[in-house]
Every structure is written in C-alpha cells, then in structure tokens.
C-alpha atoms as a PDB file:
ATOM      1  CA  MET A   1       0.000   0.000   0.000  1.00  0.00           C
ATOM      2  CA  HIS A   2       1.365   3.392  -1.015  1.00  0.00           C
ATOM      3  CA  LYS A   3       0.552   6.218   1.396  1.00  0.00           C
ATOM      4  CA  TYR A   4       0.998   9.934   0.869  1.00  0.00           C
ATOM      5  CA  LYS A   5       0.466  13.063   2.950  1.00  0.00           C
ATOM      6  CA  ILE A   6      -0.117  16.232   0.999  1.00  0.00           C
ATOM      7  CA  GLN A   7      -0.620  19.764   2.239  1.00  0.00           C
ATOM      8  CA  LEU A   8      -2.629  22.100   0.048  1.00  0.00           C
ATOM      9  CA  ASN A   9      -2.449  25.748   1.066  1.00  0.00           C
ATOM     10  CA  SER A  10      -5.050  27.238  -1.262  1.00  0.00           C
ATOM     11  CA  GLU A  11      -7.692  26.509  -3.853  1.00  0.00           C
ATOM     12  CA  ILE A  12      -4.978  27.040  -6.472  1.00  0.00           C
ATOM     13  CA  ASP A  13      -2.915  24.246  -4.845  1.00  0.00           C
ATOM     14  CA  THR A  14      -6.006  22.026  -4.900  1.00  0.00           C
ATOM     15  CA  ALA A  15      -6.556  22.743  -8.594  1.00  0.00           C
ATOM     16  CA  ASN A  16      -2.871  22.059  -9.333  1.00  0.00           C
ATOM     17  CA  PHE A  17      -3.044  18.781  -7.437  1.00  0.00           C
ATOM     18  CA  ALA A  18      -6.224  17.805  -9.325  1.00  0.00           C
ATOM     19  CA  SER A  19      -4.338  18.438 -12.581  1.00  0.00           C
ATOM     20  CA  ILE A  20      -1.474  16.174 -11.498  1.00  0.00           C
ATOM     21  CA  PHE A  21      -3.821  13.517 -10.101  1.00  0.00           C
ATOM     22  CA  ALA A  22      -5.892  13.469 -13.323  1.00  0.00           C
ATOM     23  CA  LYS A  23      -2.791  12.283 -15.184  1.00  0.00           C
ATOM     24  CA  LYS A  24      -2.423   9.341 -12.770  1.00  0.00           C
ATOM     25  CA  ILE A  25      -5.967   8.036 -13.105  1.00  0.00           C
ATOM     26  CA  LYS A  26      -6.652   4.971 -15.222  1.00  0.00           C
ATOM     27  CA  ILE A  27      -9.888   3.777 -16.760  1.00  0.00           C
ATOM     28  CA  GLY A  28     -11.666   1.607 -14.200  1.00  0.00           C
ATOM     29  CA  ASP A  29     -10.356   3.509 -11.172  1.00  0.00           C
ATOM     30  CA  ILE A  30     -12.574   4.092  -8.176  1.00  0.00           C
ATOM     31  CA  ILE A  31     -11.696   7.149  -6.105  1.00  0.00           C
ATOM     32  CA  ALA A  32     -13.207   7.423  -2.627  1.00  0.00           C
ATOM     33  CA  LEU A  33     -13.189  10.893  -1.050  1.00  0.00           C
ATOM     34  CA  TYR A  34     -13.474  11.102   2.731  1.00  0.00           C
ATOM     35  CA  GLY A  35     -13.761  14.228   4.849  1.00  0.00           C
ATOM     36  CA  ASP A  36     -16.042  16.497   6.813  1.00  0.00           C
ATOM     37  CA  LEU A  37     -18.583  18.823   5.258  1.00  0.00           C
ATOM     38  CA  GLY A  38     -16.747  21.703   3.609  1.00  0.00           C
ATOM     39  CA  SER A  39     -13.383  19.930   3.520  1.00  0.00           C
ATOM     40  CA  GLY A  40     -13.013  20.278  -0.250  1.00  0.00           C
ATOM     41  CA  LYS A  41     -14.242  16.978  -1.701  1.00  0.00           C
ATOM     42  CA  THR A  42     -16.623  18.550  -4.221  1.00  0.00           C
ATOM     43  CA  PHE A  43     -14.232  21.379  -5.131  1.00  0.00           C
ATOM     44  CA  PHE A  44     -11.530  18.793  -5.833  1.00  0.00           C
ATOM     45  CA  THR A  45     -13.989  16.704  -7.868  1.00  0.00           C
ATOM     46  CA  LYS A  46     -14.972  19.736  -9.985  1.00  0.00           C
ATOM     47  CA  LYS A  47     -11.334  20.461 -10.795  1.00  0.00           C
ATOM     48  CA  LEU A  48     -10.486  16.795 -11.363  1.00  0.00           C
ATOM     49  CA  CYS A  49     -13.386  16.414 -13.811  1.00  0.00           C
ATOM     50  CA  LYS A  50     -12.274  19.544 -15.659  1.00  0.00           C
ATOM     51  CA  PHE A  51      -8.811  18.020 -16.136  1.00  0.00           C
ATOM     52  CA  LEU A  52     -10.443  14.770 -17.268  1.00  0.00           C
ATOM     53  CA  GLY A  53     -12.119  16.628 -20.119  1.00  0.00           C
ATOM     54  CA  VAL A  54     -15.570  17.352 -18.663  1.00  0.00           C
ATOM     55  CA  LYS A  55     -16.986  20.535 -20.210  1.00  0.00           C
ATOM     56  CA  GLU A  56     -20.295  20.695 -18.359  1.00  0.00           C
ATOM     57  CA  ASN A  57     -20.907  22.056 -14.863  1.00  0.00           C
ATOM     58  CA  VAL A  58     -19.920  19.563 -12.155  1.00  0.00           C
ATOM     59  CA  SER A  59     -22.041  19.712  -9.010  1.00  0.00           C
ATOM     60  CA  SER A  60     -22.491  17.709  -5.855  1.00  0.00           C
ATOM     61  CA  PRO A  61     -24.962  14.846  -6.282  1.00  0.00           C
ATOM     62  CA  SER A  62     -26.088  15.168  -2.645  1.00  0.00           C
ATOM     63  CA  PHE A  63     -29.799  14.877  -3.387  1.00  0.00           C
ATOM     64  CA  VAL A  64     -29.738  12.847  -6.597  1.00  0.00           C
ATOM     65  CA  ILE A  65     -26.980  10.488  -5.336  1.00  0.00           C
ATOM     66  CA  LEU A  66     -25.423  10.127  -8.805  1.00  0.00           C
ATOM     67  CA  ASN A  67     -24.266  12.491 -11.544  1.00  0.00           C
ATOM     68  CA  GLU A  68     -22.812  11.219 -14.794  1.00  0.00           C
ATOM     69  CA  TYR A  69     -20.380  13.250 -16.889  1.00  0.00           C
ATOM     70  CA  GLN A  70     -18.707  12.662 -20.207  1.00  0.00           C
ATOM     71  CA  GLY A  71     -15.081  13.686 -20.420  1.00  0.00           C
ATOM     72  CA  ASP A  72     -12.211  11.734 -21.900  1.00  0.00           C
ATOM     73  CA  TYR A  73     -14.264   8.759 -20.658  1.00  0.00           C
ATOM     74  CA  PRO A  74     -17.497   8.393 -18.648  1.00  0.00           C
ATOM     75  CA  ILE A  75     -17.285   9.630 -15.062  1.00  0.00           C
ATOM     76  CA  PHE A  76     -19.790   8.585 -12.409  1.00  0.00           C
ATOM     77  CA  HIS A  77     -19.864  10.912  -9.381  1.00  0.00           C
ATOM     78  CA  LEU A  78     -21.685   9.562  -6.343  1.00  0.00           C
ATOM     79  CA  ASP A  79     -22.542  11.100  -2.992  1.00  0.00           C
ATOM     80  CA  LEU A  80     -23.491   8.388  -0.488  1.00  0.00           C
ATOM     81  CA  TYR A  81     -24.190  10.701   2.466  1.00  0.00           C
ATOM     82  CA  ARG A  82     -27.958  10.124   2.399  1.00  0.00           C
ATOM     83  CA  LEU A  83     -27.843   6.341   2.041  1.00  0.00           C
ATOM     84  CA  GLY A  84     -28.484   4.210   5.082  1.00  0.00           C
ATOM     85  CA  SER A  85     -27.277   0.730   4.171  1.00  0.00           C
ATOM     86  CA  GLU A  86     -25.148  -1.392   1.874  1.00  0.00           C
ATOM     87  CA  GLU A  87     -28.400  -2.787   0.467  1.00  0.00           C
ATOM     88  CA  GLU A  88     -29.301   0.679  -0.837  1.00  0.00           C
ATOM     89  CA  LEU A  89     -25.893   0.814  -2.548  1.00  0.00           C
ATOM     90  CA  LEU A  90     -26.603  -2.429  -4.306  1.00  0.00           C
ATOM     91  CA  GLU A  91     -30.069  -1.177  -5.303  1.00  0.00           C
ATOM     92  CA  ILE A  92     -28.577   1.870  -7.046  1.00  0.00           C
ATOM     93  CA  GLY A  93     -26.205  -0.473  -8.873  1.00  0.00           C
ATOM     94  CA  ILE A  94     -22.863   0.607  -7.448  1.00  0.00           C
ATOM     95  CA  PHE A  95     -21.192  -2.281  -9.289  1.00  0.00           C
ATOM     96  CA  ASP A  96     -23.132  -1.862 -12.532  1.00  0.00           C
ATOM     97  CA  PHE A  97     -21.082   0.970 -14.012  1.00  0.00           C
ATOM     98  CA  PRO A  98     -19.140   0.288 -17.216  1.00  0.00           C
ATOM     99  CA  GLU A  99     -15.570  -0.885 -16.670  1.00  0.00           C
ATOM    100  CA  GLU A 100     -14.403   1.815 -19.107  1.00  0.00           C
ATOM    101  CA  SER A 101     -15.277   4.601 -16.677  1.00  0.00           C
ATOM    102  CA  ILE A 102     -14.030   6.448 -13.613  1.00  0.00           C
ATOM    103  CA  ILE A 103     -16.040   6.378 -10.385  1.00  0.00           C
ATOM    104  CA  ILE A 104     -15.686   9.162  -7.820  1.00  0.00           C
ATOM    105  CA  ILE A 105     -17.451   8.612  -4.492  1.00  0.00           C
ATOM    106  CA  GLU A 106     -17.998  11.280  -1.851  1.00  0.00           C
ATOM    107  CA  TRP A 107     -18.972  10.110   1.652  1.00  0.00           C
ATOM    108  CA  PRO A 108     -17.972   6.486   0.877  1.00  0.00           C
ATOM    109  CA  ASN A 109     -18.029   5.277   4.508  1.00  0.00           C
ATOM    110  CA  ILE A 110     -21.177   3.193   4.035  1.00  0.00           C
ATOM    111  CA  ALA A 111     -19.517   1.381   1.110  1.00  0.00           C
ATOM    112  CA  GLU A 112     -16.246   0.693   2.935  1.00  0.00           C
ATOM    113  CA  ASN A 113     -16.870  -3.051   3.247  1.00  0.00           C
ATOM    114  CA  ILE A 114     -17.741  -3.533  -0.417  1.00  0.00           C
ATOM    115  CA  LEU A 115     -15.277  -1.224  -2.180  1.00  0.00           C
ATOM    116  CA  PRO A 116     -12.603  -3.080  -4.156  1.00  0.00           C
ATOM    117  CA  ASN A 117      -9.118  -3.268  -2.607  1.00  0.00           C
ATOM    118  CA  ASN A 118      -7.684  -1.187  -5.435  1.00  0.00           C
ATOM    119  CA  THR A 119      -9.875   1.830  -4.597  1.00  0.00           C
ATOM    120  CA  ILE A 120      -7.811   5.005  -4.323  1.00  0.00           C
ATOM    121  CA  LYS A 121      -8.777   6.606  -0.998  1.00  0.00           C
ATOM    122  CA  ILE A 122      -8.263  10.299  -0.315  1.00  0.00           C
ATOM    123  CA  LYS A 123      -9.027  11.792   3.091  1.00  0.00           C
ATOM    124  CA  PHE A 124      -9.479  15.580   3.268  1.00  0.00           C
ATOM    125  CA  GLU A 125      -8.777  17.195   6.627  1.00  0.00           C
ATOM    126  CA  LEU A 126      -9.502  20.776   7.590  1.00  0.00           C
ATOM    127  CA  THR A 127      -6.823  22.815   9.328  1.00  0.00           C
ATOM    128  CA  GLU A 128      -6.895  26.083  11.263  1.00  0.00           C
ATOM    129  CA  ASN A 129      -6.284  27.980   8.012  1.00  0.00           C
ATOM    130  CA  GLU A 130      -9.563  28.413   6.094  1.00  0.00           C
ATOM    131  CA  PHE A 131      -8.069  27.422   2.721  1.00  0.00           C
ATOM    132  CA  GLU A 132      -5.500  24.842   3.834  1.00  0.00           C
ATOM    133  CA  ARG A 133      -6.195  21.119   3.599  1.00  0.00           C
ATOM    134  CA  GLN A 134      -4.229  18.039   4.609  1.00  0.00           C
ATOM    135  CA  LEU A 135      -4.760  15.085   2.291  1.00  0.00           C
ATOM    136  CA  SER A 136      -3.944  11.483   3.116  1.00  0.00           C
ATOM    137  CA  ILE A 137      -3.902   9.257   0.046  1.00  0.00           C
ATOM    138  CA  PHE A 138      -3.883   5.469   0.055  1.00  0.00           C
ATOM    139  CA  SER A 139      -3.384   3.447  -3.119  1.00  0.00           C
ATOM    140  CA  LEU A 140      -2.274  -0.063  -3.996  1.00  0.00           C
ATOM    141  CA  ARG A 141      -0.729   1.413  -7.140  1.00  0.00           C
ATOM    142  CA  GLU A 142       2.266   3.754  -7.096  1.00  0.00           C
ATOM    143  CA  LEU A 143       0.873   7.085  -8.261  1.00  0.00           C
ATOM    144  CA  ASN A 144       4.244   8.748  -8.942  1.00  0.00           C
ATOM    145  CA  ILE A 145       2.901  12.010  -7.591  1.00  0.00           C
ATOM    146  CA  ASN A 146       5.146  14.964  -8.324  1.00  0.00           C
ATOM    147  CA  ASN A 147       7.663  15.495  -5.515  1.00  0.00           C
ATOM    148  CA  LEU A 148       6.271  18.995  -5.028  1.00  0.00           C
ATOM    149  CA  PHE A 149       3.211  17.386  -3.425  1.00  0.00           C
ATOM    150  CA  ARG A 150       4.509  13.979  -2.380  1.00  0.00           C
ATOM    151  CA  LYS A 151       5.383  13.140   1.195  1.00  0.00           C
ATOM    152  CA  GLU A 152       5.266   9.388   1.664  1.00  0.00           C
ATOM    153  CA  PHE A 153       4.670   8.216   5.247  1.00  0.00           C
END
C-alpha cells in the first residue's frame, strides 16, 4: 500500500493537485473521497473532472446520489451521504457501471466493506487555516505524484 500526505495551502494548490492527479488516473479507477462537510471533496472533484475533459458544470450529487459526466471517458460521481445501508448501494447499482469509466465517491463510509481493494482513498482534513487542507492518500498502485506534493509516510 502506497501512502501519501499532501498539504494544500489554497484553492490554487487544490486545482494544481487535481491536474497532477488526473494524469495518474486509469480507466476503471474508483476514487473514494473522505472528509467532513466543507473539507473540499466537491471542489476537488470539480477540478479533477475539468482536467479529465468534462466541459459541463460539475455539481455535488447530494440529493440525486449520482451524476454522470462525459469527459475523456465516462465519469460517475456519487454522494453516499444520504444512504443508510449497503443494500441501498446495491439497489442503485454501485457495481453496474461500465468498466471503461471512472467512479468518484464522496462520503464512501457506508460502502467501505464492499469497495474493491484497489480503490484510491483520499481523506481531506480541515486545518486552522480556512483554505489549507491536509490530504492522506492510500493506493495499492504507485501514483508517482510529483515530488512537489509527495510526502510518503
């Protein structure tokens, strides 16, 4: 398991990291985004989708649970905050997405037991600075993240 700690000091840093991260993603990847409300999960997702070729407006799927975007390949953006059980996940077809897509999941805690082992997990943590975020990234695959952002632990 590869583990990284990354400090982002501004929204510009977050956008720059999303640009770098977009180049590391492969078709079929599942990206699980953890963090408190307002920690930057949706902002990161908007920037990531932009760098993956999405032209349309990217928004949080909090009430609809799922948004689908077309970029360089299909992107399925889920928000599982409102779901109450793994059974509900299976009902919405969490494993029915095409293999030739990217899946981004906000609030993935309820799916923890059924997510594949190769899921890339990113935890967003707030700091005392309003715009600063600490990210912890866990991946089975070496992401070769630029040394500017990379701090393996």
